[in-house]
Amino acid sequence: MTIINGFLEPYISNETEGIIWAISENNTSSYDSLHFIDEYDFLLIHDKIDPSILVWSSYIIKDYSSHKTKRPFSDYYQQSILGYWIHWLPFNEPNPEQWATYFLDEYPATLFKS
């Protein structure tokens, strides 16, 4: 099992058609430091002000069907939250807006890769 300490990051590029939830490893600044969050990984999200406080933790189970919005000029529906296209949300808590905020505000986190 690989343990990654870093900060949550809402990774997006032209090819992704939406945010991919990721963690950027501490003390590195390249694409090699970026780790995508996968199903069955275990994620700990820490408080921004006091990282010793845990604000959320769980195994990742992906929900692909909630919060779907019709894409403009298309018959295709895609998940979206806070005005961003996304690829999945966690099936369990937190609420989707809080989940996105953890990434948009780059909260400290620890990821246990399955």
PDB file of N, CA and C in Angstrom:
ATOM      1  N   MET A   1       0.836  -1.173   0.000  1.00  0.00           N
ATOM      2  CA  MET A   1       0.000   0.000   0.000  1.00  0.00           C
ATOM      3  C   MET A   1       0.888   1.246   0.000  1.00  0.00           C
ATOM      4  N   THR A   2       0.556   2.193  -0.846  1.00  0.00           N
ATOM      5  CA  THR A   2       1.289   3.452  -0.929  1.00  0.00           C
ATOM      6  C   THR A   2       0.539   4.527  -0.152  1.00  0.00           C
ATOM      7  N   ILE A   3       1.282   5.292   0.650  1.00  0.00           N
ATOM      8  CA  ILE A   3       0.693   6.391   1.421  1.00  0.00           C
ATOM      9  C   ILE A   3       1.220   7.704   0.852  1.00  0.00           C
ATOM     10  N   ILE A   4       0.304   8.605   0.512  1.00  0.00           N
ATOM     11  CA  ILE A   4       0.669   9.882  -0.096  1.00  0.00           C
ATOM     12  C   ILE A   4       0.152  11.008   0.787  1.00  0.00           C
ATOM     13  N   ASN A   5       1.055  11.873   1.226  1.00  0.00           N
ATOM     14  CA  ASN A   5       0.697  13.061   1.995  1.00  0.00           C
ATOM     15  C   ASN A   5       0.820  14.271   1.091  1.00  0.00           C
ATOM     16  N   GLY A   6      -0.180  15.142   1.135  1.00  0.00           N
ATOM     17  CA  GLY A   6      -0.113  16.320   0.285  1.00  0.00           C
ATOM     18  C   GLY A   6      -1.344  17.187   0.433  1.00  0.00           C
ATOM     19  N   PHE A   7      -1.732  17.790  -0.692  1.00  0.00           N
ATOM     20  CA  PHE A   7      -2.875  18.688  -0.714  1.00  0.00           C
ATOM     21  C   PHE A   7      -3.818  18.271  -1.831  1.00  0.00           C
ATOM     22  N   LEU A   8      -5.118  18.345  -1.542  1.00  0.00           N
ATOM     23  CA  LEU A   8      -6.113  17.987  -2.551  1.00  0.00           C
ATOM     24  C   LEU A   8      -6.050  18.964  -3.705  1.00  0.00           C
ATOM     25  N   GLU A   9      -6.287  18.457  -4.896  1.00  0.00           N
ATOM     26  CA  GLU A   9      -6.202  19.290  -6.089  1.00  0.00           C
ATOM     27  C   GLU A   9      -7.301  18.912  -7.073  1.00  0.00           C
ATOM     28  N   PRO A  10      -8.018  19.923  -7.594  1.00  0.00           N
ATOM     29  CA  PRO A  10      -9.025  19.653  -8.618  1.00  0.00           C
ATOM     30  C   PRO A  10      -8.354  19.679  -9.998  1.00  0.00           C
ATOM     31  N   TYR A  11      -7.809  18.552 -10.423  1.00  0.00           N
ATOM     32  CA  TYR A  11      -7.054  18.510 -11.683  1.00  0.00           C
ATOM     33  C   TYR A  11      -8.001  18.632 -12.876  1.00  0.00           C
ATOM     34  N   ILE A  12      -7.644  19.526 -13.783  1.00  0.00           N
ATOM     35  CA  ILE A  12      -8.442  19.695 -14.998  1.00  0.00           C
ATOM     36  C   ILE A  12      -7.518  20.112 -16.141  1.00  0.00           C
ATOM     37  N   SER A  13      -7.800  19.555 -17.304  1.00  0.00           N
ATOM     38  CA  SER A  13      -7.106  19.986 -18.518  1.00  0.00           C
ATOM     39  C   SER A  13      -8.106  19.886 -19.664  1.00  0.00           C
ATOM     40  N   ASN A  14      -7.737  20.364 -20.821  1.00  0.00           N
ATOM     41  CA  ASN A  14      -8.649  20.355 -21.970  1.00  0.00           C
ATOM     42  C   ASN A  14      -9.144  18.955 -22.308  1.00  0.00           C
ATOM     43  N   GLU A  15      -8.330  17.950 -22.085  1.00  0.00           N
ATOM     44  CA  GLU A  15      -8.690  16.589 -22.472  1.00  0.00           C
ATOM     45  C   GLU A  15      -9.605  15.893 -21.467  1.00  0.00           C
ATOM     46  N   THR A  16      -9.747  16.431 -20.266  1.00  0.00           N
ATOM     47  CA  THR A  16     -10.476  15.699 -19.233  1.00  0.00           C
ATOM     48  C   THR A  16     -11.980  15.931 -19.246  1.00  0.00           C
ATOM     49  N   GLU A  17     -12.450  17.010 -19.864  1.00  0.00           N
ATOM     50  CA  GLU A  17     -13.890  17.323 -19.860  1.00  0.00           C
ATOM     51  C   GLU A  17     -14.446  17.387 -18.452  1.00  0.00           C
ATOM     52  N   GLY A  18     -13.670  17.913 -17.519  1.00  0.00           N
ATOM     53  CA  GLY A  18     -14.132  18.068 -16.149  1.00  0.00           C
ATOM     54  C   GLY A  18     -13.037  17.769 -15.148  1.00  0.00           C
ATOM     55  N   ILE A  19     -13.347  18.068 -13.901  1.00  0.00           N
ATOM     56  CA  ILE A  19     -12.380  17.875 -12.812  1.00  0.00           C
ATOM     57  C   ILE A  19     -12.163  16.391 -12.536  1.00  0.00           C
ATOM     58  N   ILE A  20     -10.894  16.058 -12.316  1.00  0.00           N
ATOM     59  CA  ILE A  20     -10.509  14.748 -11.803  1.00  0.00           C
ATOM     60  C   ILE A  20      -9.951  15.004 -10.405  1.00  0.00           C
ATOM     61  N   TRP A  21     -10.535  14.374  -9.408  1.00  0.00           N
ATOM     62  CA  TRP A  21     -10.098  14.577  -8.023  1.00  0.00           C
ATOM     63  C   TRP A  21      -8.722  13.940  -7.836  1.00  0.00           C
ATOM     64  N   ALA A  22      -7.789  14.729  -7.242  1.00  0.00           N
ATOM     65  CA  ALA A  22      -6.408  14.264  -7.104  1.00  0.00           C
ATOM     66  C   ALA A  22      -5.799  14.797  -5.812  1.00  0.00           C
ATOM     67  N   ILE A  23      -4.626  14.274  -5.504  1.00  0.00           N
ATOM     68  CA  ILE A  23      -3.815  14.786  -4.405  1.00  0.00           C
ATOM     69  C   ILE A  23      -2.439  15.083  -4.972  1.00  0.00           C
ATOM     70  N   SER A  24      -1.890  16.242  -4.609  1.00  0.00           N
ATOM     71  CA  SER A  24      -0.557  16.627  -5.040  1.00  0.00           C
ATOM     72  C   SER A  24       0.395  16.368  -3.878  1.00  0.00           C
ATOM     73  N   GLU A  25       1.389  15.538  -4.126  1.00  0.00           N
ATOM     74  CA  GLU A  25       2.311  15.103  -3.082  1.00  0.00           C
ATOM     75  C   GLU A  25       3.131  16.267  -2.549  1.00  0.00           C
ATOM     76  N   ASN A  26       3.360  16.273  -1.237  1.00  0.00           N
ATOM     77  CA  ASN A  26       4.161  17.326  -0.596  1.00  0.00           C
ATOM     78  C   ASN A  26       5.553  17.425  -1.207  1.00  0.00           C
ATOM     79  N   ASN A  27       6.071  18.631  -1.235  1.00  0.00           N
ATOM     80  CA  ASN A  27       7.462  18.913  -1.598  1.00  0.00           C
ATOM     81  C   ASN A  27       7.838  18.511  -3.015  1.00  0.00           C
ATOM     82  N   THR A  28       6.875  18.435  -3.911  1.00  0.00           N
ATOM     83  CA  THR A  28       7.183  18.162  -5.308  1.00  0.00           C
ATOM     84  C   THR A  28       6.316  19.079  -6.167  1.00  0.00           C
ATOM     85  N   SER A  29       6.777  19.336  -7.389  1.00  0.00           N
ATOM     86  CA  SER A  29       6.041  20.297  -8.212  1.00  0.00           C
ATOM     87  C   SER A  29       5.980  19.875  -9.679  1.00  0.00           C
ATOM     88  N   SER A  30       5.753  18.615  -9.916  1.00  0.00           N
ATOM     89  CA  SER A  30       5.636  18.153 -11.298  1.00  0.00           C
ATOM     90  C   SER A  30       4.419  17.249 -11.410  1.00  0.00           C
ATOM     91  N   TYR A  31       4.130  16.836 -12.634  1.00  0.00           N
ATOM     92  CA  TYR A  31       3.018  15.913 -12.824  1.00  0.00           C
ATOM     93  C   TYR A  31       3.248  14.598 -12.081  1.00  0.00           C
ATOM     94  N   ASP A  32       4.500  14.272 -11.809  1.00  0.00           N
ATOM     95  CA  ASP A  32       4.799  13.049 -11.065  1.00  0.00           C
ATOM     96  C   ASP A  32       4.257  13.105  -9.637  1.00  0.00           C
ATOM     97  N   SER A  33       4.028  14.329  -9.128  1.00  0.00           N
ATOM     98  CA  SER A  33       3.521  14.465  -7.757  1.00  0.00           C
ATOM     99  C   SER A  33       2.004  14.333  -7.696  1.00  0.00           C
ATOM    100  N   LEU A  34       1.361  14.273  -8.851  1.00  0.00           N
ATOM    101  CA  LEU A  34      -0.095  14.227  -8.915  1.00  0.00           C
ATOM    102  C   LEU A  34      -0.577  12.780  -8.898  1.00  0.00           C
ATOM    103  N   HIS A  35      -1.489  12.477  -7.978  1.00  0.00           N
ATOM    104  CA  HIS A  35      -2.032  11.121  -7.846  1.00  0.00           C
ATOM    105  C   HIS A  35      -3.542  11.206  -7.883  1.00  0.00           C
ATOM    106  N   PHE A  36      -4.150  10.536  -8.847  1.00  0.00           N
ATOM    107  CA  PHE A  36      -5.601  10.546  -8.960  1.00  0.00           C
ATOM    108  C   PHE A  36      -6.209   9.638  -7.898  1.00  0.00           C
ATOM    109  N   ILE A  37      -7.352  10.043  -7.389  1.00  0.00           N
ATOM    110  CA  ILE A  37      -8.046   9.274  -6.360  1.00  0.00           C
ATOM    111  C   ILE A  37      -8.917   8.237  -7.048  1.00  0.00           C
ATOM    112  N   ASP A  38      -8.719   6.995  -6.673  1.00  0.00           N
ATOM    113  CA  ASP A  38      -9.416   5.877  -7.313  1.00  0.00           C
ATOM    114  C   ASP A  38     -10.374   5.200  -6.340  1.00  0.00           C
ATOM    115  N   GLU A  39     -11.283   4.436  -6.919  1.00  0.00           N
ATOM    116  CA  GLU A  39     -12.215   3.674  -6.106  1.00  0.00           C
ATOM    117  C   GLU A  39     -11.437   2.731  -5.179  1.00  0.00           C
ATOM    118  N   TYR A  40     -11.897   2.643  -3.946  1.00  0.00           N
ATOM    119  CA  TYR A  40     -11.344   1.801  -2.879  1.00  0.00           C
ATOM    120  C   TYR A  40     -10.078   2.363  -2.242  1.00  0.00           C
ATOM    121  N   ASP A  41      -9.593   3.530  -2.698  1.00  0.00           N
ATOM    122  CA  ASP A  41      -8.543   4.220  -1.950  1.00  0.00           C
ATOM    123  C   ASP A  41      -9.158   4.685  -0.634  1.00  0.00           C
ATOM    124  N   PHE A  42      -8.322   4.913   0.361  1.00  0.00           N
ATOM    125  CA  PHE A  42      -8.796   5.469   1.630  1.00  0.00           C
ATOM    126  C   PHE A  42      -8.236   6.872   1.751  1.00  0.00           C
ATOM    127  N   LEU A  43      -9.117   7.839   2.004  1.00  0.00           N
ATOM    128  CA  LEU A  43      -8.715   9.252   2.024  1.00  0.00           C
ATOM    129  C   LEU A  43      -8.996   9.866   3.392  1.00  0.00           C
ATOM    130  N   LEU A  44      -7.996  10.574   3.916  1.00  0.00           N
ATOM    131  CA  LEU A  44      -8.135  11.378   5.132  1.00  0.00           C
ATOM    132  C   LEU A  44      -8.008  12.838   4.707  1.00  0.00           C
ATOM    133  N   ILE A  45      -8.965  13.667   5.093  1.00  0.00           N
ATOM    134  CA  ILE A  45      -8.895  15.099   4.808  1.00  0.00           C
ATOM    135  C   ILE A  45      -8.746  15.823   6.137  1.00  0.00           C
ATOM    136  N   HIS A  46      -7.713  16.672   6.204  1.00  0.00           N
ATOM    137  CA  HIS A  46      -7.369  17.377   7.432  1.00  0.00           C
ATOM    138  C   HIS A  46      -7.836  18.830   7.368  1.00  0.00           C
ATOM    139  N   ASP A  47      -8.029  19.420   8.527  1.00  0.00           N
ATOM    140  CA  ASP A  47      -8.400  20.823   8.627  1.00  0.00           C
ATOM    141  C   ASP A  47      -7.274  21.703   8.071  1.00  0.00           C
ATOM    142  N   LYS A  48      -7.643  22.775   7.377  1.00  0.00           N
ATOM    143  CA  LYS A  48      -6.623  23.658   6.787  1.00  0.00           C
ATOM    144  C   LYS A  48      -5.831  24.415   7.842  1.00  0.00           C
ATOM    145  N   ILE A  49      -6.484  24.825   8.911  1.00  0.00           N
ATOM    146  CA  ILE A  49      -5.815  25.623   9.935  1.00  0.00           C
ATOM    147  C   ILE A  49      -5.041  24.733  10.904  1.00  0.00           C
ATOM    148  N   ASP A  50      -5.647  23.642  11.316  1.00  0.00           N
ATOM    149  CA  ASP A  50      -4.999  22.701  12.247  1.00  0.00           C
ATOM    150  C   ASP A  50      -5.037  21.304  11.630  1.00  0.00           C
ATOM    151  N   PRO A  51      -3.996  20.933  10.865  1.00  0.00           N
ATOM    152  CA  PRO A  51      -3.987  19.631  10.183  1.00  0.00           C
ATOM    153  C   PRO A  51      -4.069  18.414  11.105  1.00  0.00           C
ATOM    154  N   SER A  52      -3.926  18.614  12.409  1.00  0.00           N
ATOM    155  CA  SER A  52      -4.088  17.475  13.323  1.00  0.00           C
ATOM    156  C   SER A  52      -5.563  17.104  13.490  1.00  0.00           C
ATOM    157  N   ILE A  53      -6.456  17.999  13.043  1.00  0.00           N
ATOM    158  CA  ILE A  53      -7.894  17.743  13.119  1.00  0.00           C
ATOM    159  C   ILE A  53      -8.351  17.100  11.819  1.00  0.00           C
ATOM    160  N   LEU A  54      -9.019  15.981  11.931  1.00  0.00           N
ATOM    161  CA  LEU A  54      -9.541  15.251  10.771  1.00  0.00           C
ATOM    162  C   LEU A  54     -10.956  15.741  10.474  1.00  0.00           C
ATOM    163  N   VAL A  55     -11.194  16.197   9.230  1.00  0.00           N
ATOM    164  CA  VAL A  55     -12.533  16.692   8.879  1.00  0.00           C
ATOM    165  C   VAL A  55     -13.352  15.668   8.096  1.00  0.00           C
ATOM    166  N   TRP A  56     -12.681  14.691   7.476  1.00  0.00           N
ATOM    167  CA  TRP A  56     -13.401  13.650   6.741  1.00  0.00           C
ATOM    168  C   TRP A  56     -12.461  12.481   6.488  1.00  0.00           C
ATOM    169  N   SER A  57     -13.019  11.275   6.544  1.00  0.00           N
ATOM    170  CA  SER A  57     -12.231  10.088   6.193  1.00  0.00           C
ATOM    171  C   SER A  57     -13.173   8.983   5.753  1.00  0.00           C
ATOM    172  N   SER A  58     -12.755   8.260   4.720  1.00  0.00           N
ATOM    173  CA  SER A  58     -13.559   7.136   4.254  1.00  0.00           C
ATOM    174  C   SER A  58     -12.852   6.441   3.099  1.00  0.00           C
ATOM    175  N   TYR A  59     -13.288   5.210   2.846  1.00  0.00           N
ATOM    176  CA  TYR A  59     -12.926   4.558   1.598  1.00  0.00           C
ATOM    177  C   TYR A  59     -13.712   5.243   0.492  1.00  0.00           C
ATOM    178  N   ILE A  60     -13.133   5.309  -0.674  1.00  0.00           N
ATOM    179  CA  ILE A  60     -13.785   5.963  -1.806  1.00  0.00           C
ATOM    180  C   ILE A  60     -14.651   4.955  -2.556  1.00  0.00           C
ATOM    181  N   ILE A  61     -15.922   5.253  -2.614  1.00  0.00           N
ATOM    182  CA  ILE A  61     -16.878   4.538  -3.456  1.00  0.00           C
ATOM    183  C   ILE A  61     -17.458   5.597  -4.387  1.00  0.00           C
ATOM    184  N   LYS A  62     -17.300   5.397  -5.671  1.00  0.00           N
ATOM    185  CA  LYS A  62     -17.677   6.426  -6.637  1.00  0.00           C
ATOM    186  C   LYS A  62     -19.161   6.368  -7.005  1.00  0.00           C
ATOM    187  N   ASP A  63     -19.764   7.531  -7.059  1.00  0.00           N
ATOM    188  CA  ASP A  63     -21.144   7.715  -7.506  1.00  0.00           C
ATOM    189  C   ASP A  63     -21.074   8.434  -8.856  1.00  0.00           C
ATOM    190  N   TYR A  64     -21.546   7.776  -9.894  1.00  0.00           N
ATOM    191  CA  TYR A  64     -21.500   8.347 -11.236  1.00  0.00           C
ATOM    192  C   TYR A  64     -22.847   8.907 -11.696  1.00  0.00           C
ATOM    193  N   SER A  65     -23.878   8.832 -10.857  1.00  0.00           N
ATOM    194  CA  SER A  65     -25.207   9.165 -11.371  1.00  0.00           C
ATOM    195  C   SER A  65     -25.863  10.390 -10.749  1.00  0.00           C
ATOM    196  N   SER A  66     -25.405  10.855  -9.613  1.00  0.00           N
ATOM    197  CA  SER A  66     -26.061  12.007  -8.994  1.00  0.00           C
ATOM    198  C   SER A  66     -25.559  13.320  -9.595  1.00  0.00           C
ATOM    199  N   HIS A  67     -26.316  14.375  -9.393  1.00  0.00           N
ATOM    200  CA  HIS A  67     -25.944  15.739  -9.788  1.00  0.00           C
ATOM    201  C   HIS A  67     -25.630  15.886 -11.275  1.00  0.00           C
ATOM    202  N   LYS A  68     -26.402  15.201 -12.108  1.00  0.00           N
ATOM    203  CA  LYS A  68     -26.180  15.309 -13.555  1.00  0.00           C
ATOM    204  C   LYS A  68     -26.879  16.546 -14.112  1.00  0.00           C
ATOM    205  N   THR A  69     -26.199  17.204 -15.031  1.00  0.00           N
ATOM    206  CA  THR A  69     -26.686  18.402 -15.688  1.00  0.00           C
ATOM    207  C   THR A  69     -26.529  18.223 -17.193  1.00  0.00           C
ATOM    208  N   LYS A  70     -27.493  18.713 -17.938  1.00  0.00           N
ATOM    209  CA  LYS A  70     -27.408  18.627 -19.399  1.00  0.00           C
ATOM    210  C   LYS A  70     -26.329  19.584 -19.898  1.00  0.00           C
ATOM    211  N   ARG A  71     -25.430  19.048 -20.712  1.00  0.00           N
ATOM    212  CA  ARG A  71     -24.366  19.888 -21.279  1.00  0.00           C
ATOM    213  C   ARG A  71     -24.954  20.793 -22.363  1.00  0.00           C
ATOM    214  N   PRO A  72     -24.441  21.994 -22.490  1.00  0.00           N
ATOM    215  CA  PRO A  72     -24.949  22.909 -23.518  1.00  0.00           C
ATOM    216  C   PRO A  72     -24.749  22.342 -24.924  1.00  0.00           C
ATOM    217  N   PHE A  73     -25.712  22.565 -25.782  1.00  0.00           N
ATOM    218  CA  PHE A  73     -25.642  22.175 -27.194  1.00  0.00           C
ATOM    219  C   PHE A  73     -25.445  20.675 -27.391  1.00  0.00           C
ATOM    220  N   SER A  74     -25.957  19.881 -26.457  1.00  0.00           N
ATOM    221  CA  SER A  74     -25.745  18.439 -26.507  1.00  0.00           C
ATOM    222  C   SER A  74     -26.902  17.737 -25.808  1.00  0.00           C
ATOM    223  N   ASP A  75     -27.082  16.466 -26.126  1.00  0.00           N
ATOM    224  CA  ASP A  75     -28.048  15.648 -25.397  1.00  0.00           C
ATOM    225  C   ASP A  75     -27.371  14.892 -24.255  1.00  0.00           C
ATOM    226  N   TYR A  76     -26.091  15.135 -24.059  1.00  0.00           N
ATOM    227  CA  TYR A  76     -25.289  14.440 -23.061  1.00  0.00           C
ATOM    228  C   TYR A  76     -25.451  15.092 -21.689  1.00  0.00           C
ATOM    229  N   TYR A  77     -25.589  14.264 -20.651  1.00  0.00           N
ATOM    230  CA  TYR A  77     -25.649  14.739 -19.272  1.00  0.00           C
ATOM    231  C   TYR A  77     -24.359  14.351 -18.570  1.00  0.00           C
ATOM    232  N   GLN A  78     -23.853  15.258 -17.750  1.00  0.00           N
ATOM    233  CA  GLN A  78     -22.627  14.991 -16.993  1.00  0.00           C
ATOM    234  C   GLN A  78     -22.801  15.549 -15.589  1.00  0.00           C
ATOM    235  N   GLN A  79     -22.132  14.923 -14.635  1.00  0.00           N
ATOM    236  CA  GLN A  79     -22.181  15.427 -13.272  1.00  0.00           C
ATOM    237  C   GLN A  79     -21.518  16.794 -13.200  1.00  0.00           C
ATOM    238  N   SER A  80     -22.082  17.654 -12.360  1.00  0.00           N
ATOM    239  CA  SER A  80     -21.476  18.960 -12.132  1.00  0.00           C
ATOM    240  C   SER A  80     -21.735  19.380 -10.693  1.00  0.00           C
ATOM    241  N   ILE A  81     -20.835  20.204 -10.192  1.00  0.00           N
ATOM    242  CA  ILE A  81     -20.979  20.730  -8.838  1.00  0.00           C
ATOM    243  C   ILE A  81     -20.284  22.089  -8.782  1.00  0.00           C
ATOM    244  N   LEU A  82     -20.923  23.047  -8.173  1.00  0.00           N
ATOM    245  CA  LEU A  82     -20.393  24.408  -8.024  1.00  0.00           C
ATOM    246  C   LEU A  82     -19.973  25.013  -9.363  1.00  0.00           C
ATOM    247  N   GLY A  83     -20.675  24.644 -10.429  1.00  0.00           N
ATOM    248  CA  GLY A  83     -20.380  25.201 -11.749  1.00  0.00           C
ATOM    249  C   GLY A  83     -19.271  24.505 -12.516  1.00  0.00           C
ATOM    250  N   TYR A  84     -18.743  23.417 -11.990  1.00  0.00           N
ATOM    251  CA  TYR A  84     -17.672  22.663 -12.645  1.00  0.00           C
ATOM    252  C   TYR A  84     -18.199  21.312 -13.111  1.00  0.00           C
ATOM    253  N   TRP A  85     -17.771  20.884 -14.293  1.00  0.00           N
ATOM    254  CA  TRP A  85     -18.038  19.514 -14.733  1.00  0.00           C
ATOM    255  C   TRP A  85     -17.111  18.606 -13.953  1.00  0.00           C
ATOM    256  N   ILE A  86     -17.640  17.454 -13.549  1.00  0.00           N
ATOM    257  CA  ILE A  86     -16.843  16.489 -12.782  1.00  0.00           C
ATOM    258  C   ILE A  86     -17.115  15.086 -13.330  1.00  0.00           C
ATOM    259  N   HIS A  87     -16.342  14.113 -12.874  1.00  0.00           N
ATOM    260  CA  HIS A  87     -16.495  12.734 -13.348  1.00  0.00           C
ATOM    261  C   HIS A  87     -17.150  11.813 -12.337  1.00  0.00           C
ATOM    262  N   TRP A  88     -17.085  12.159 -11.062  1.00  0.00           N
ATOM    263  CA  TRP A  88     -17.739  11.357 -10.028  1.00  0.00           C
ATOM    264  C   TRP A  88     -17.748  12.132  -8.721  1.00  0.00           C
ATOM    265  N   LEU A  89     -18.597  11.674  -7.819  1.00  0.00           N
ATOM    266  CA  LEU A  89     -18.658  12.172  -6.446  1.00  0.00           C
ATOM    267  C   LEU A  89     -18.543  10.970  -5.514  1.00  0.00           C
ATOM    268  N   PRO A  90     -18.161  11.187  -4.260  1.00  0.00           N
ATOM    269  CA  PRO A  90     -18.154  10.054  -3.342  1.00  0.00           C
ATOM    270  C   PRO A  90     -19.587   9.642  -3.030  1.00  0.00           C
ATOM    271  N   PHE A  91     -19.816   8.354  -2.976  1.00  0.00           N
ATOM    272  CA  PHE A  91     -21.147   7.829  -2.703  1.00  0.00           C
ATOM    273  C   PHE A  91     -21.588   8.174  -1.286  1.00  0.00           C
ATOM    274  N   ASN A  92     -20.631   8.184  -0.372  1.00  0.00           N
ATOM    275  CA  ASN A  92     -20.933   8.505   1.016  1.00  0.00           C
ATOM    276  C   ASN A  92     -20.689   9.991   1.278  1.00  0.00           C
ATOM    277  N   GLU A  93     -20.906  10.437   2.487  1.00  0.00           N
ATOM    278  CA  GLU A  93     -20.685  11.839   2.852  1.00  0.00           C
ATOM    279  C   GLU A  93     -19.274  12.250   2.474  1.00  0.00           C
ATOM    280  N   PRO A  94     -18.946  13.512   2.353  1.00  0.00           N
ATOM    281  CA  PRO A  94     -19.716  14.682   2.720  1.00  0.00           C
ATOM    282  C   PRO A  94     -20.682  15.084   1.612  1.00  0.00           C
ATOM    283  N   ASN A  95     -21.400  16.179   1.840  1.00  0.00           N
ATOM    284  CA  ASN A  95     -22.277  16.633   0.769  1.00  0.00           C
ATOM    285  C   ASN A  95     -21.418  17.087  -0.403  1.00  0.00           C
ATOM    286  N   PRO A  96     -21.930  17.041  -1.618  1.00  0.00           N
ATOM    287  CA  PRO A  96     -21.128  17.317  -2.811  1.00  0.00           C
ATOM    288  C   PRO A  96     -20.464  18.695  -2.831  1.00  0.00           C
ATOM    289  N   GLU A  97     -21.138  19.700  -2.333  1.00  0.00           N
ATOM    290  CA  GLU A  97     -20.544  21.041  -2.329  1.00  0.00           C
ATOM    291  C   GLU A  97     -19.336  21.091  -1.390  1.00  0.00           C
ATOM    292  N   GLN A  98     -19.452  20.443  -0.242  1.00  0.00           N
ATOM    293  CA  GLN A  98     -18.326  20.422   0.695  1.00  0.00           C
ATOM    294  C   GLN A  98     -17.167  19.623   0.109  1.00  0.00           C
ATOM    295  N   TRP A  99     -17.474  18.493  -0.526  1.00  0.00           N
ATOM    296  CA  TRP A  99     -16.433  17.677  -1.178  1.00  0.00           C
ATOM    297  C   TRP A  99     -15.649  18.534  -2.181  1.00  0.00           C
ATOM    298  N   ALA A 100     -16.342  19.231  -3.052  1.00  0.00           N
ATOM    299  CA  ALA A 100     -15.668  20.057  -4.057  1.00  0.00           C
ATOM    300  C   ALA A 100     -14.843  21.163  -3.394  1.00  0.00           C
ATOM    301  N   THR A 101     -15.371  21.743  -2.333  1.00  0.00           N
ATOM    302  CA  THR A 101     -14.656  22.812  -1.630  1.00  0.00           C
ATOM    303  C   THR A 101     -13.337  22.317  -1.047  1.00  0.00           C
ATOM    304  N   TYR A 102     -13.314  21.093  -0.528  1.00  0.00           N
ATOM    305  CA  TYR A 102     -12.052  20.544  -0.022  1.00  0.00           C
ATOM    306  C   TYR A 102     -10.966  20.587  -1.105  1.00  0.00           C
ATOM    307  N   PHE A 103     -11.335  20.292  -2.344  1.00  0.00           N
ATOM    308  CA  PHE A 103     -10.363  20.269  -3.440  1.00  0.00           C
ATOM    309  C   PHE A 103     -10.066  21.671  -3.961  1.00  0.00           C
ATOM    310  N   LEU A 104     -11.091  22.474  -4.150  1.00  0.00           N
ATOM    311  CA  LEU A 104     -10.893  23.828  -4.663  1.00  0.00           C
ATOM    312  C   LEU A 104     -10.057  24.670  -3.704  1.00  0.00           C
ATOM    313  N   ASP A 105     -10.177  24.406  -2.400  1.00  0.00           N
ATOM    314  CA  ASP A 105      -9.401  25.138  -1.394  1.00  0.00           C
ATOM    315  C   ASP A 105      -8.119  24.417  -0.991  1.00  0.00           C
ATOM    316  N   GLU A 106      -7.821  23.307  -1.658  1.00  0.00           N
ATOM    317  CA  GLU A 106      -6.569  22.559  -1.475  1.00  0.00           C
ATOM    318  C   GLU A 106      -6.299  22.189  -0.015  1.00  0.00           C
ATOM    319  N   TYR A 107      -7.226  21.473   0.567  1.00  0.00           N
ATOM    320  CA  TYR A 107      -7.060  21.002   1.943  1.00  0.00           C
ATOM    321  C   TYR A 107      -5.928  19.985   2.033  1.00  0.00           C
ATOM    322  N   PRO A 108      -5.214  19.942   3.177  1.00  0.00           N
ATOM    323  CA  PRO A 108      -4.211  18.898   3.364  1.00  0.00           C
ATOM    324  C   PRO A 108      -4.888  17.533   3.495  1.00  0.00           C
ATOM    325  N   ALA A 109      -4.225  16.501   2.992  1.00  0.00           N
ATOM    326  CA  ALA A 109      -4.841  15.185   2.990  1.00  0.00           C
ATOM    327  C   ALA A 109      -3.788  14.086   2.981  1.00  0.00           C
ATOM    328  N   THR A 110      -4.247  12.899   3.329  1.00  0.00           N
ATOM    329  CA  THR A 110      -3.430  11.687   3.235  1.00  0.00           C
ATOM    330  C   THR A 110      -4.228  10.661   2.448  1.00  0.00           C
ATOM    331  N   LEU A 111      -3.606  10.100   1.426  1.00  0.00           N
ATOM    332  CA  LEU A 111      -4.268   9.107   0.572  1.00  0.00           C
ATOM    333  C   LEU A 111      -3.560   7.764   0.710  1.00  0.00           C
ATOM    334  N   PHE A 112      -4.335   6.748   0.992  1.00  0.00           N
ATOM    335  CA  PHE A 112      -3.834   5.372   1.044  1.00  0.00           C
ATOM    336  C   PHE A 112      -4.298   4.695  -0.237  1.00  0.00           C
ATOM    337  N   LYS A 113      -3.384   4.490  -1.181  1.00  0.00           N
ATOM    338  CA  LYS A 113      -3.734   3.893  -2.474  1.00  0.00           C
ATOM    339  C   LYS A 113      -4.006   2.411  -2.302  1.00  0.00           C
ATOM    340  N   SER A 114      -5.131   1.981  -2.903  1.00  0.00           N
ATOM    341  CA  SER A 114      -5.485   0.567  -2.792  1.00  0.00           C
ATOM    342  C   SER A 114      -4.682  -0.278  -3.761  1.00  0.00           C
TER     343      SER A 114
END
